[in-house]
Protein backbone atom coordinates (compact mmCIF):
# COMPACT_ATOMS: atom_id res chain seq x y z
CA MET A 1 2.90 46.63 24.03
CA ILE A 2 0.04 46.18 22.27
CA LEU A 3 0.16 42.33 22.45
CA GLY A 4 1.07 42.31 26.32
CA ILE A 5 -2.15 44.82 27.06
CA TYR A 6 -4.35 42.66 24.89
CA THR A 7 -2.81 39.36 26.62
CA LEU A 8 -3.46 41.04 30.05
CA LEU A 9 -7.20 42.10 29.70
CA VAL A 10 -7.78 38.77 28.01
CA VAL A 11 -6.18 36.81 31.03
CA LEU A 12 -8.06 39.04 33.44
CA ILE A 13 -11.68 38.71 31.99
CA LEU A 14 -11.39 34.93 31.34
CA PHE A 15 -9.89 34.23 34.81
CA GLY A 16 -12.37 37.11 36.23
CA LEU A 17 -15.44 35.33 34.39
CA THR A 18 -14.33 31.92 35.95
CA ILE A 19 -14.50 33.37 39.64
CA PHE A 20 -17.61 35.62 38.82
CA VAL A 21 -19.53 33.00 37.67
CA HIS A 22 -18.88 30.81 40.86
CA GLU A 23 -19.65 33.50 43.28
CA LEU A 24 -22.66 34.43 41.06
CA GLY A 25 -23.95 31.19 41.90
CA HIS A 26 -23.92 31.44 45.37
CA PHE A 27 -25.48 35.19 45.41
CA LEU A 28 -28.44 33.84 42.95
CA VAL A 29 -29.44 30.99 44.94
CA ALA A 30 -28.71 32.49 48.54
CA ARG A 31 -31.07 35.57 47.56
CA ARG A 32 -33.55 33.18 45.89
CA PHE A 33 -33.57 31.45 49.63
CA GLY A 34 -34.21 35.17 51.27
CA MET A 35 -30.83 34.89 52.76
CA LYS A 36 -28.70 38.10 54.04
CA VAL A 37 -25.69 38.89 51.74
CA ASP A 38 -23.34 41.12 53.17
CA ALA A 39 -20.55 41.23 50.28
CA PHE A 40 -19.99 39.90 46.76
CA ALA A 41 -16.38 40.19 46.22
CA ILE A 42 -14.23 39.30 43.21
CA GLY A 43 -10.16 38.95 44.30
CA PHE A 44 -8.77 39.77 47.85
CA GLY A 45 -6.90 42.15 49.49
CA PRO A 46 -7.81 46.15 49.15
CA ALA A 47 -10.69 47.16 47.01
CA ILE A 48 -9.69 48.81 43.72
CA TRP A 49 -13.40 49.31 42.74
CA SER A 50 -16.35 48.99 45.26
CA THR A 51 -20.06 50.35 45.76
CA LYS A 52 -22.59 49.17 48.13
CA ARG A 53 -26.24 48.75 47.22
CA ASN A 54 -29.20 47.29 48.87
CA GLY A 55 -27.27 46.48 51.89
CA VAL A 56 -24.80 44.61 50.06
CA LEU A 57 -21.20 45.76 49.17
CA TYR A 58 -19.97 44.49 45.45
CA LYS A 59 -16.09 45.10 45.20
CA VAL A 60 -13.14 44.04 43.38
CA GLY A 61 -9.84 43.11 45.11
CA LEU A 62 -6.52 43.87 44.07
CA ILE A 63 -5.40 39.84 44.62
CA PRO A 64 -7.31 38.10 41.72
CA PHE A 65 -7.15 34.74 43.17
CA GLY A 66 -10.26 34.15 44.17
CA GLY A 67 -13.75 35.53 45.47
CA TYR A 68 -16.53 35.51 47.93
CA VAL A 69 -20.00 35.94 48.88
CA ALA A 70 -20.30 36.88 52.31
CA LEU A 71 -23.42 35.03 53.84
CA PRO A 72 -24.15 35.44 57.69
CA GLN A 73 -26.25 32.93 57.98
CA MET A 74 -23.85 30.23 56.54
CA ASP A 75 -20.93 31.85 59.17
CA PRO A 76 -20.26 29.30 61.83
CA GLU A 77 -21.48 31.79 64.16
CA GLY A 78 -24.71 32.65 62.42
CA ALA A 79 -26.09 35.82 63.62
CA GLU A 80 -23.29 36.60 66.07
CA ALA A 81 -21.22 37.30 63.10
CA THR A 82 -22.98 40.52 61.79
CA ALA A 83 -23.09 44.05 63.34
CA ASP A 84 -27.05 44.00 63.74
CA GLY A 85 -26.69 40.73 65.95
CA HIS A 86 -29.96 39.38 64.41
CA ILE A 87 -30.83 37.45 61.40
CA PRO A 88 -33.34 34.85 60.96
CA GLU A 89 -31.92 31.03 61.09
CA ILE A 90 -31.95 29.37 57.99
CA ALA A 91 -32.91 25.35 57.27
CA PRO A 92 -29.99 23.61 57.21
CA TRP A 93 -31.08 22.15 53.81
CA LYS A 94 -31.20 25.37 52.07
CA LYS A 95 -27.31 25.53 52.57
CA ILE A 96 -26.67 22.67 50.50
CA PRO A 97 -28.13 24.32 47.04
CA VAL A 98 -26.45 27.64 48.11
CA ALA A 99 -23.00 25.40 48.65
CA VAL A 100 -23.54 23.34 45.55
CA ALA A 101 -24.44 26.67 43.06
CA GLY A 102 -20.79 27.91 42.79
CA ALA A 103 -20.14 24.72 41.03
CA VAL A 104 -22.73 24.40 39.01
CA GLY A 105 -22.15 27.95 37.66
CA ASN A 106 -18.74 26.91 36.65
CA ILE A 107 -20.34 23.78 35.01
CA ILE A 108 -22.38 25.58 33.03
CA LEU A 109 -19.72 28.04 32.00
CA ALA A 110 -17.47 25.38 31.19
CA PHE A 111 -20.55 23.51 29.02
CA ILE A 112 -20.44 27.09 27.18
CA ILE A 113 -17.30 27.55 26.37
CA ALA A 114 -16.91 23.99 25.13
CA TRP A 115 -19.90 24.48 23.05
CA ILE A 116 -18.08 27.25 21.44
CA ILE A 117 -14.68 25.57 21.04
CA SER A 118 -16.66 22.69 19.31
CA ILE A 119 -18.03 25.15 16.69
CA ILE A 120 -15.09 27.55 16.13
CA GLY A 121 -12.52 24.73 16.58
CA LYS A 122 -9.32 24.32 18.69
CA PRO A 123 -5.39 24.10 17.31
CA SER A 124 -4.25 20.71 18.02
CA ALA A 125 -0.66 19.05 17.76
CA PRO A 126 -0.13 15.18 16.65
CA HIS A 127 0.60 14.08 20.09
CA GLU A 128 -2.58 15.44 21.52
CA ARG A 129 -4.13 12.96 19.05
CA ASP A 130 -2.24 9.77 18.96
CA THR A 131 0.18 7.93 20.82
CA VAL A 132 2.54 7.19 18.28
CA VAL A 133 6.29 6.94 19.38
CA GLY A 134 8.03 10.06 17.78
CA TYR A 135 11.99 8.98 18.67
CA VAL A 136 13.50 6.44 21.04
CA VAL A 137 16.99 6.70 22.20
CA THR A 138 19.42 3.89 20.87
CA GLU A 139 22.61 5.25 22.62
CA GLY A 140 23.58 7.23 25.59
CA GLU A 141 22.97 6.35 29.24
CA GLU A 142 21.72 2.87 30.33
CA GLU A 143 18.44 4.02 31.30
CA GLU A 144 18.03 5.85 28.14
CA ARG A 145 18.32 2.96 26.04
CA LEU A 146 15.76 0.58 28.01
CA ALA A 147 13.08 1.50 26.05
CA TYR A 148 14.98 0.47 22.61
CA GLU A 149 16.58 -2.81 24.26
CA GLN A 150 12.95 -3.80 25.31
CA GLY A 151 11.93 -3.60 21.66
CA LEU A 152 10.28 -0.10 21.62
CA ARG A 153 10.91 1.81 18.10
CA ILE A 154 9.88 4.95 16.46
CA GLY A 155 6.39 4.47 15.09
CA HIS A 156 4.97 2.04 17.40
CA ARG A 157 1.86 3.13 19.37
CA ILE A 158 1.53 2.95 23.23
CA VAL A 159 -1.98 1.52 24.05
CA ALA A 160 -1.87 1.39 27.81
CA VAL A 161 0.43 2.47 30.88
CA ASN A 162 -0.01 0.47 34.02
CA GLY A 163 -3.11 -1.10 32.56
CA THR A 164 -5.16 1.96 32.07
CA PRO A 165 -5.77 2.86 28.14
CA VAL A 166 -4.12 5.94 27.04
CA SER A 167 -5.36 8.01 23.82
CA ASN A 168 -3.08 10.68 23.39
CA TRP A 169 0.77 11.70 25.04
CA GLN A 170 -1.07 13.69 28.03
CA ASP A 171 -2.59 10.41 29.16
CA ILE A 172 0.86 8.90 28.94
CA ASN A 173 2.43 11.83 30.59
CA VAL A 174 -0.03 11.75 33.32
CA GLU A 175 0.38 8.16 34.23
CA ALA A 176 4.33 8.64 34.10
CA THR A 177 4.34 11.84 36.39
CA LEU A 178 2.11 9.69 39.22
CA SER A 179 4.45 6.32 38.90
CA ARG A 180 8.09 5.79 39.62
CA GLU A 181 7.72 2.65 37.26
CA VAL A 182 5.52 2.71 34.42
CA VAL A 183 4.61 -0.55 32.25
CA LEU A 184 3.82 0.11 28.64
CA ASP A 185 1.67 -2.21 26.67
CA VAL A 186 2.53 -1.48 23.00
CA ASP A 187 1.05 -2.05 19.58
CA THR A 188 4.16 -2.92 17.03
CA SER A 189 1.51 -3.42 14.42
CA GLU A 190 2.48 -6.78 14.11
CA GLU A 191 2.43 -7.86 17.90
CA MET A 192 1.75 -6.78 21.40
CA ILE A 193 4.85 -6.19 23.74
CA THR A 194 5.33 -4.78 27.17
CA VAL A 195 8.01 -2.30 27.76
CA THR A 196 8.78 -1.44 31.65
CA LEU A 197 10.49 1.59 32.38
CA PRO A 198 11.27 3.74 35.49
CA THR A 199 10.53 7.65 35.10
CA TRP A 200 12.54 10.45 35.10
CA ASP A 201 12.09 13.30 37.76
CA THR A 202 12.43 17.09 36.72
CA GLU A 203 12.95 20.00 38.27
CA MET A 204 9.22 21.20 36.96
CA GLY A 205 7.51 18.59 38.91
CA VAL A 206 6.74 16.19 36.21
CA ARG A 207 8.04 12.63 35.43
CA LEU A 208 9.09 11.69 31.91
CA LEU A 209 9.71 8.35 30.19
CA PRO A 210 13.90 8.08 29.72
CA GLY A 211 14.82 7.82 25.78
CA VAL A 212 11.31 8.36 24.54
CA SER A 213 9.64 11.04 23.13
CA TRP A 214 6.43 12.08 21.44
CA VAL A 215 5.16 12.33 17.73
CA GLY A 216 5.76 15.54 15.96
CA HIS A 217 6.57 17.19 12.60
CA SER A 218 9.78 18.47 10.92
CA ASP A 219 8.73 21.71 9.67
CA VAL A 220 11.59 24.16 8.09
CA ALA A 221 11.74 27.44 9.80
CA GLN A 222 15.04 28.84 8.52
CA VAL A 223 17.49 27.82 5.71
CA VAL A 224 21.20 28.27 6.37
CA PRO A 225 22.67 30.31 3.30
CA ASP A 226 24.80 28.18 1.09
CA SER A 227 23.74 25.06 2.83
CA PRO A 228 22.84 21.62 1.14
CA ALA A 229 19.10 22.53 2.16
CA GLU A 230 19.49 25.72 0.05
CA ARG A 231 21.17 24.28 -2.66
CA ALA A 232 18.64 21.72 -3.00
CA GLY A 233 15.80 24.10 -3.01
CA LEU A 234 14.28 23.72 0.66
CA ARG A 235 12.28 26.29 1.59
CA PRO A 236 11.00 28.05 5.12
CA GLY A 237 7.57 26.76 5.42
CA ASP A 238 8.21 23.33 3.98
CA ARG A 239 7.47 20.02 5.76
CA ILE A 240 9.81 17.17 5.68
CA LEU A 241 7.46 14.04 5.48
CA ALA A 242 10.16 11.23 4.52
CA PHE A 243 13.77 11.30 4.50
CA ASN A 244 15.41 8.44 2.11
CA GLU A 245 12.31 7.18 2.06
CA VAL A 246 11.62 6.36 5.70
CA LYS A 247 8.34 8.13 7.19
CA LEU A 248 9.31 10.85 9.60
CA TYR A 249 7.87 11.05 13.05
CA SER A 250 10.08 13.49 14.79
CA THR A 251 13.14 16.08 14.46
CA ALA A 252 14.96 14.06 16.81
CA GLN A 253 14.70 10.91 14.39
CA LEU A 254 15.43 13.35 11.31
CA ILE A 255 18.75 14.31 12.94
CA GLY A 256 19.76 11.01 13.27
CA LEU A 257 18.71 10.44 9.70
CA VAL A 258 20.74 12.91 8.16
CA ASP A 259 24.21 11.84 9.95
CA GLU A 260 23.84 8.18 8.91
CA HIS A 261 23.72 9.53 5.27
CA ARG A 262 26.73 12.06 5.45
CA ASP A 263 27.96 12.73 1.74
CA ARG A 264 25.48 10.61 -0.01
CA LEU A 265 22.38 12.05 -2.20
CA VAL A 266 19.40 11.17 -0.56
CA PRO A 267 15.64 11.85 -1.56
CA VAL A 268 13.89 14.04 0.71
CA LYS A 269 9.85 13.95 0.77
CA VAL A 270 8.73 17.53 1.19
CA GLU A 271 5.00 19.22 1.67
CA ARG A 272 4.94 22.29 0.12
CA ARG A 273 1.61 24.68 0.43
CA GLY A 274 -0.64 21.23 0.30
CA GLU A 275 1.26 19.55 -2.55
CA SER A 276 4.05 17.09 -2.25
CA MET A 277 7.03 16.66 -3.89
CA THR A 278 10.61 15.16 -3.71
CA ILE A 279 14.30 16.80 -3.50
CA ASP A 280 17.51 15.45 -3.57
CA VAL A 281 19.99 16.60 -0.79
CA GLN A 282 23.12 15.61 0.50
CA PRO A 283 24.20 15.66 4.11
CA GLU A 284 27.55 17.15 4.63
CA TYR A 285 29.68 16.62 7.58
CA ASP A 286 30.19 19.36 9.82
CA PRO A 287 33.40 18.98 12.35
CA GLU A 288 32.27 21.53 14.72
CA GLU A 289 29.01 19.77 15.41
CA ASP A 290 31.06 16.15 14.67
CA ARG A 291 27.93 15.24 12.70
CA ALA A 292 26.38 15.90 9.00
CA LEU A 293 24.19 18.67 8.75
CA ILE A 294 21.84 19.50 5.65
CA GLY A 295 21.68 23.12 6.83
CA ILE A 296 17.98 23.75 8.28
CA ILE A 297 16.46 25.30 11.43
CA PHE A 298 13.45 23.19 12.08
CA SER A 299 10.63 22.83 14.70
CA PRO A 300 9.14 25.57 16.96
CA PRO A 301 10.91 26.94 20.08
CA LEU A 302 11.08 24.91 23.23
CA TRP A 303 7.74 26.28 25.14
CA THR A 304 5.46 26.04 21.89
CA VAL A 305 3.66 23.42 20.58
CA ASP A 306 3.37 21.71 17.32
CA TYR A 307 -0.09 22.45 16.45
CA ASP A 308 -0.87 21.42 12.48
CA GLU A 309 -4.75 20.76 12.64
CA VAL A 310 -7.83 22.19 13.70
CA ILE A 311 -10.42 19.74 15.70
CA HIS A 312 -13.89 20.37 16.87
CA PRO A 313 -14.31 18.17 19.77
CA LYS A 314 -17.79 17.44 21.20
CA PRO A 315 -18.70 19.83 24.53
CA TRP A 316 -19.59 16.18 26.70
CA GLU A 317 -16.41 14.66 25.58
CA MET A 318 -14.32 17.91 26.70
CA ILE A 319 -15.55 17.93 29.87
CA ARG A 320 -15.33 14.19 30.38
CA GLU A 321 -11.71 14.20 29.63
CA PHE A 322 -11.37 17.43 32.13
CA SER A 323 -12.99 15.40 34.97
CA THR A 324 -11.10 12.17 34.15
CA LEU A 325 -7.80 13.90 34.38
CA ILE A 326 -8.90 15.64 37.67
CA PHE A 327 -10.41 12.76 39.63
CA ARG A 328 -7.16 10.68 38.29
CA VAL A 329 -4.81 13.61 40.11
CA LEU A 330 -7.19 13.27 43.58
CA ARG A 331 -7.22 9.74 43.25
CA ALA A 332 -3.27 9.75 43.04
CA LEU A 333 -3.49 12.29 46.33
CA ALA A 334 -5.28 9.87 47.98
CA THR A 335 -2.95 6.75 47.55
CA PRO A 336 0.30 6.87 49.64
CA SER A 337 2.30 5.11 46.92
CA GLN A 338 1.58 8.41 44.33
CA ALA A 339 0.59 11.19 47.01
CA GLY A 340 4.07 12.56 47.08
CA MET A 341 4.37 12.72 43.04
CA ALA A 342 0.88 13.91 42.69
CA ALA A 343 1.41 17.15 45.03
CA SER A 344 4.95 17.74 43.24
CA ALA A 345 3.21 18.33 40.10
CA LEU A 346 0.67 20.42 41.48
CA ALA A 347 0.48 23.95 40.17
CA GLY A 348 -0.55 27.06 41.88
CA PRO A 349 -2.37 30.08 41.36
CA VAL A 350 0.74 32.04 39.66
CA TYR A 351 1.29 28.92 37.24
CA ILE A 352 -2.19 28.96 36.42
CA LEU A 353 -2.23 32.79 35.38
CA TYR A 354 1.18 32.14 33.62
CA ALA A 355 -0.24 29.16 31.70
CA LEU A 356 -3.40 31.03 30.84
CA TRP A 357 -1.34 34.23 29.72
CA ASP A 358 0.69 31.96 27.64
CA MET A 359 -2.40 30.33 26.07
CA VAL A 360 -3.65 33.63 25.06
CA GLN A 361 -0.63 34.36 23.06
CA ASN A 362 -0.69 31.31 21.22
CA SER A 363 -4.49 31.39 20.26
CA PHE A 364 -7.59 32.49 21.64
CA ALA A 365 -9.35 29.52 20.91
CA MET A 366 -6.50 27.91 23.48
CA ALA A 367 -7.11 30.12 26.06
CA LEU A 368 -10.86 28.96 25.98
CA TRP A 369 -9.68 25.72 25.98
CA PHE A 370 -7.77 26.28 29.32
CA THR A 371 -10.55 28.13 30.75
CA CYS A 372 -12.81 25.46 30.29
CA LEU A 373 -10.46 23.28 31.95
CA LEU A 374 -10.03 25.20 34.85
CA ASN A 375 -14.02 25.85 35.63
CA VAL A 376 -14.06 22.06 35.62
CA ASN A 377 -11.31 22.12 37.84
CA LEU A 378 -12.73 24.44 40.28
CA ALA A 379 -16.02 22.71 40.26
CA ILE A 380 -14.44 19.56 41.62
CA LEU A 381 -12.21 21.06 44.08
CA ASN A 382 -14.75 23.21 45.31
CA LEU A 383 -17.17 20.11 46.01
CA LEU A 384 -14.38 18.39 48.10
CA PRO A 385 -15.44 17.57 51.48
CA ILE A 386 -12.80 20.11 53.19
CA PRO A 387 -14.42 22.32 56.13
CA VAL A 388 -13.42 25.52 54.51
CA LEU A 389 -14.66 24.96 50.72
CA ASP A 390 -18.59 24.50 49.65
CA GLY A 391 -18.09 20.75 50.30
CA GLY A 392 -17.31 21.23 53.71
CA HIS A 393 -20.62 23.17 53.81
CA ILE A 394 -22.35 20.80 52.34
CA VAL A 395 -21.27 17.89 54.96
CA PHE A 396 -21.78 20.23 57.59
CA SER A 397 -25.44 20.92 56.53
CA LEU A 398 -26.23 17.14 56.02
CA TRP A 399 -25.04 16.41 59.22
CA GLU A 400 -27.37 19.11 60.41
CA VAL A 401 -30.25 17.50 58.32
CA ILE A 402 -29.58 13.99 59.20
CA THR A 403 -29.13 14.49 63.11
CA ARG A 404 -31.37 17.51 63.55
CA ARG A 405 -28.61 19.22 65.54
CA ARG A 406 -26.71 22.31 65.02
CA ILE A 407 -23.01 21.49 64.90
CA ASN A 408 -21.30 23.70 67.94
CA ALA A 409 -20.39 27.04 66.59
CA ARG A 410 -17.15 27.51 68.24
CA PHE A 411 -16.16 23.67 66.68
CA LYS A 412 -17.00 24.70 63.39
CA VAL A 413 -14.75 28.08 63.85
CA ILE A 414 -11.47 26.47 64.93
CA ILE A 415 -11.95 23.72 62.26
CA MET A 416 -12.72 26.22 59.66
CA GLY A 417 -9.82 28.67 60.87
CA ALA A 418 -7.15 25.49 60.68
CA CYS A 419 -8.50 24.59 57.15
CA TRP A 420 -8.21 28.27 56.04
CA PHE A 421 -5.07 28.87 57.29
CA LEU A 422 -3.77 25.21 55.82
CA LEU A 423 -5.13 27.02 52.42
CA ILE A 424 -3.49 30.07 52.43
CA PHE A 425 -0.16 28.25 53.41
CA ALA A 426 -0.62 25.89 50.56
CA MET A 427 -1.44 28.88 47.94
CA ILE A 428 1.73 31.01 49.01
CA TYR A 429 4.02 27.53 48.91
CA LEU A 430 2.82 26.36 45.86
CA SER A 431 2.62 30.71 44.73
CA PHE A 432 6.79 30.53 45.60
CA ARG A 433 7.33 27.04 43.84
CA ASP A 434 5.80 28.35 40.58
CA VAL A 435 7.68 31.56 40.75
CA SER A 436 10.84 29.10 41.45
CA ARG A 437 9.81 26.95 38.68
CA LEU A 438 9.02 29.72 36.14
CA GLY A 439 12.56 30.97 36.94
CA LEU A 440 13.83 27.84 35.41
CA MET A 441 11.81 27.68 32.65
CA SER A 442 13.05 31.46 31.72
CA ARG A 443 16.75 29.80 32.16
CA SER A 444 16.67 27.25 30.13
CA ALA A 445 14.34 28.44 27.56
CA PRO A 446 16.70 28.83 24.18
CA THR A 447 17.85 32.19 23.12
CA GLU A 448 19.31 31.06 19.76
CA GLU A 449 18.87 27.64 17.81
CA VAL A 450 20.39 25.05 19.70
CA GLU A 451 21.95 21.54 17.98
CA PRO A 452 21.03 18.46 19.91
CA ALA A 453 22.60 15.56 19.17
CA PRO A 454 19.90 12.78 18.31
CA ASP A 455 19.78 11.12 21.54
CA ASP A 456 19.47 14.58 23.20
CA VAL A 457 15.78 14.01 23.50
CA THR A 458 13.07 14.11 26.47
CA ASP A 459 9.83 13.66 26.59
CA GLY A 460 8.33 16.80 25.75
CA PRO A 461 8.15 19.54 22.63
CA SER A 462 11.82 19.52 20.64
CA PRO A 463 13.95 22.48 21.20
CA ALA A 464 14.45 24.53 17.91
CA ALA A 465 17.88 22.79 16.17
CA GLN A 466 19.58 23.20 13.17
CA ASP A 467 20.48 20.11 10.68
């Protein structure tokens, strides 16, 4: 209960702060230019709090998916949109900094958050720092074996996807999600090879590499009573580094190695509280599972990430990484061959709030990291030249500055109304799709330990497993 209240408060504060600084940017610059401000609102719908001071209505709406600053001088119908019917006209060039100010507010907040993260550090998982392959399927469906048959092996490093350099598995997943087929440039440490793979579509809107998963640790969460692991002395919290002198890159790899060494005493290299040791374990065949087990429950639950290190990224590098990601998706949306896949991967407001909720429960630093991404995203998207967004106001104002003629008010009302309708429709559609996908996640998340076969691996966090 306490955790839920804490999470809710942090989510509302961080999400509300993101909206607040955006609208505050508009508000402050509009005031600086002497423009009339009718309202300053965070959220939409019925007001849960409101007050009016110096002619400005300040309110917090019930629906926390945005906000607005009501500026009649930037309204398509100008003074006619206000009750008093007489407001001084403002020069078109002044409207441009007012429109830009919202995005500037978000970028400033993003840099502040990035600076804080650079000081306190951010939890990081192995796949967020490298592109090492953690597992490659060797048996199963033909499509699953494609990577292995083309020479991809555990421990290889992917250096580029479709010619685009990649530095972590997020980069790889983005390129896979936006392509029906990918060409991987792979460093085997001995030579460079090329692997061509189709991508698998998923119900969650992302596309995965068939038969390939990222690198991760094999951490012991529980030890099964009276099992080979317990008899050998393995303990919860141990990190298994190598099995029979083979370096481990994933839990799926460990599952396969255990089955290959059934009824044989093998050395297991373990890290315990910072110290390395070797323990001899003898896997035993389990007829119910039809494979050998040593009796450990390992790896995190399905929807958590294997964080193992705290990193201190530079603020500018964080902003650049987020910007590159957002522009990559926008470029895909504008590319006919990738537009459909990019659109299917878009998240709506419900999923964004869910993701922020999940980050808060994971760690406050991760919540800040996601809020930083959210601010960069909001800044860039609002500057797109779409009439209903800030970028649309900028385009209209530039046209008036260049031509020295006002755009027909009725034309602006019609086009902005149409864009508002499309935007609201898109938000509703994405929200319903978010709810549907989150329902899929809820149904597929494990409620007890599961025992996957070695080839039952996808490109994502490994499920909790017993070995």
